[in-house]
Amino acid sequence: MTNECIFCQIAGGKIPADIVYEDNDIVAFTDINPEAPVHLVIIPRNHIASLNDVEKKDTELLGRINMTAITLAKQRGLDKTGYRLVSNMGRQAGQTVDHVHYHLLGGRFMMWPPG
């Protein structure tokens, strides 16, 4: 965790958020600027700045994040209608917080290409 990272502060309980899931390694919360009726952010508790910083030891954690996203989608009925799981890497891709995170979006039709 870093004191400067807003997602680390959310994971540490220093900044309030609408937490929808948490365990020892993962936190999921409602995005404060939703782009869809369902828009959740799923993060690892430990600070990893970007996907480029992921190491082999993080493989299980990333798999668990994906399984958490699937569970959260199913809880909201998105498995029947469709959803998108997105991780932006770098400024040109839209990453605004330097902490690995995934956006779970659903509840509306998604366009392609997304950007």
Protein backbone atom coordinates (compact mmCIF):
# COMPACT_ATOMS: atom_id res chain seq x y z
CA MET A 1 0.00 0.00 0.00
CA THR A 2 1.08 3.54 -0.63
CA ASN A 3 -0.26 6.63 1.12
CA GLU A 4 -0.53 8.55 -2.17
CA CYS A 5 -2.65 5.96 -4.01
CA ILE A 6 -6.39 6.59 -3.79
CA PHE A 7 -7.15 2.90 -4.34
CA CYS A 8 -4.76 1.90 -1.55
CA GLN A 9 -6.54 4.40 0.68
CA ILE A 10 -9.93 2.89 -0.23
CA ALA A 11 -8.62 -0.64 0.40
CA GLY A 12 -7.23 0.51 3.74
CA GLY A 13 -10.50 2.14 4.79
CA LYS A 14 -9.05 5.66 4.85
CA ILE A 15 -11.36 6.90 2.08
CA PRO A 16 -15.03 5.86 2.16
CA ALA A 17 -16.41 3.89 -0.76
CA ASP A 18 -19.47 1.78 -1.51
CA ILE A 19 -17.70 -1.55 -0.94
CA VAL A 20 -19.58 -4.44 -2.55
CA TYR A 21 -16.98 -7.15 -1.88
CA GLU A 22 -13.79 -7.56 0.09
CA ASP A 23 -11.51 -10.29 1.33
CA ASN A 24 -7.87 -10.39 2.43
CA ASP A 25 -6.58 -9.73 -1.10
CA ILE A 26 -9.34 -8.07 -3.16
CA VAL A 27 -11.70 -5.11 -2.79
CA ALA A 28 -14.58 -4.22 -5.12
CA PHE A 29 -16.56 -1.00 -4.96
CA THR A 30 -18.98 1.09 -6.97
CA ASP A 31 -17.31 3.53 -9.37
CA ILE A 32 -17.99 7.14 -8.36
CA ASN A 33 -18.35 8.14 -12.04
CA PRO A 34 -20.35 5.23 -13.47
CA GLU A 35 -20.35 4.64 -17.21
CA ALA A 36 -23.09 1.99 -17.01
CA PRO A 37 -25.96 1.05 -14.68
CA VAL A 38 -23.55 -1.43 -13.09
CA HIS A 39 -20.01 -0.10 -12.84
CA LEU A 40 -17.76 -1.68 -10.25
CA VAL A 41 -14.02 -1.31 -9.72
CA ILE A 42 -12.13 -4.40 -8.59
CA ILE A 43 -8.63 -3.99 -7.14
CA PRO A 44 -5.97 -6.01 -5.40
CA ARG A 45 -5.31 -4.76 -1.87
CA ASN A 46 -1.57 -4.76 -2.45
CA HIS A 47 -0.27 -1.96 -4.63
CA ILE A 48 0.68 -2.94 -8.16
CA ALA A 49 1.02 0.18 -10.28
CA SER A 50 0.10 -1.30 -13.66
CA LEU A 51 -0.29 -4.53 -15.57
CA ASN A 52 3.30 -4.02 -16.72
CA ASP A 53 4.34 -4.47 -13.08
CA VAL A 54 2.53 -7.79 -12.60
CA GLU A 55 4.88 -10.63 -11.75
CA LYS A 56 4.50 -14.39 -12.06
CA LYS A 57 3.73 -14.55 -8.32
CA ASP A 58 0.59 -12.44 -9.01
CA THR A 59 -0.94 -15.02 -11.36
CA GLU A 60 -3.23 -16.57 -8.75
CA LEU A 61 -4.35 -13.13 -7.54
CA LEU A 62 -5.30 -12.04 -11.05
CA GLY A 63 -7.25 -15.25 -11.53
CA ARG A 64 -9.09 -14.64 -8.27
CA ILE A 65 -9.91 -11.09 -9.40
CA ASN A 66 -11.47 -12.54 -12.55
CA MET A 67 -13.46 -15.07 -10.52
CA THR A 68 -14.62 -12.25 -8.23
CA ALA A 69 -15.77 -10.29 -11.29
CA ILE A 70 -17.74 -13.31 -12.53
CA THR A 71 -19.39 -13.75 -9.12
CA LEU A 72 -20.28 -10.05 -8.88
CA ALA A 73 -21.69 -10.11 -12.43
CA LYS A 74 -23.83 -13.15 -11.65
CA GLN A 75 -25.11 -11.57 -8.43
CA ARG A 76 -26.36 -8.65 -10.52
CA GLY A 77 -27.86 -10.80 -13.29
CA LEU A 78 -25.30 -9.65 -15.83
CA ASP A 79 -24.38 -13.22 -16.77
CA LYS A 80 -27.72 -13.38 -18.59
CA THR A 81 -27.45 -10.07 -20.45
CA GLY A 82 -23.71 -9.54 -20.86
CA TYR A 83 -21.00 -7.48 -19.27
CA ARG A 84 -17.56 -6.11 -19.92
CA LEU A 85 -14.43 -6.51 -17.78
CA VAL A 86 -11.81 -3.89 -18.64
CA SER A 87 -8.34 -3.10 -17.39
CA ASN A 88 -6.70 -0.02 -18.86
CA MET A 89 -2.90 0.05 -19.06
CA GLY A 90 -1.28 3.44 -19.47
CA ARG A 91 -2.55 6.97 -20.04
CA GLN A 92 -3.43 6.50 -23.73
CA ALA A 93 -5.61 3.54 -22.77
CA GLY A 94 -7.40 5.58 -20.12
CA GLN A 95 -5.65 4.47 -16.92
CA THR A 96 -6.08 7.36 -14.49
CA VAL A 97 -5.09 5.64 -11.23
CA ASP A 98 -1.71 3.95 -11.03
CA HIS A 99 -2.98 0.81 -9.30
CA VAL A 100 -4.04 -2.31 -11.20
CA HIS A 101 -7.82 -2.28 -11.39
CA TYR A 102 -10.63 -3.76 -13.41
CA HIS A 103 -13.91 -2.14 -14.38
CA LEU A 104 -16.95 -4.42 -14.40
CA LEU A 105 -19.58 -2.76 -16.59
CA GLY A 106 -23.06 -3.95 -17.47
CA GLY A 107 -26.73 -3.17 -17.66
CA ARG A 108 -26.62 -1.47 -21.06
CA PHE A 109 -25.53 -2.21 -24.62
CA MET A 110 -21.80 -1.78 -25.13
CA MET A 111 -20.37 -0.37 -28.33
CA TRP A 112 -17.33 -1.62 -30.26
CA PRO A 113 -14.74 -0.33 -30.61
CA PRO A 114 -14.92 1.01 -27.06
CA GLY A 115 -12.74 4.12 -27.46
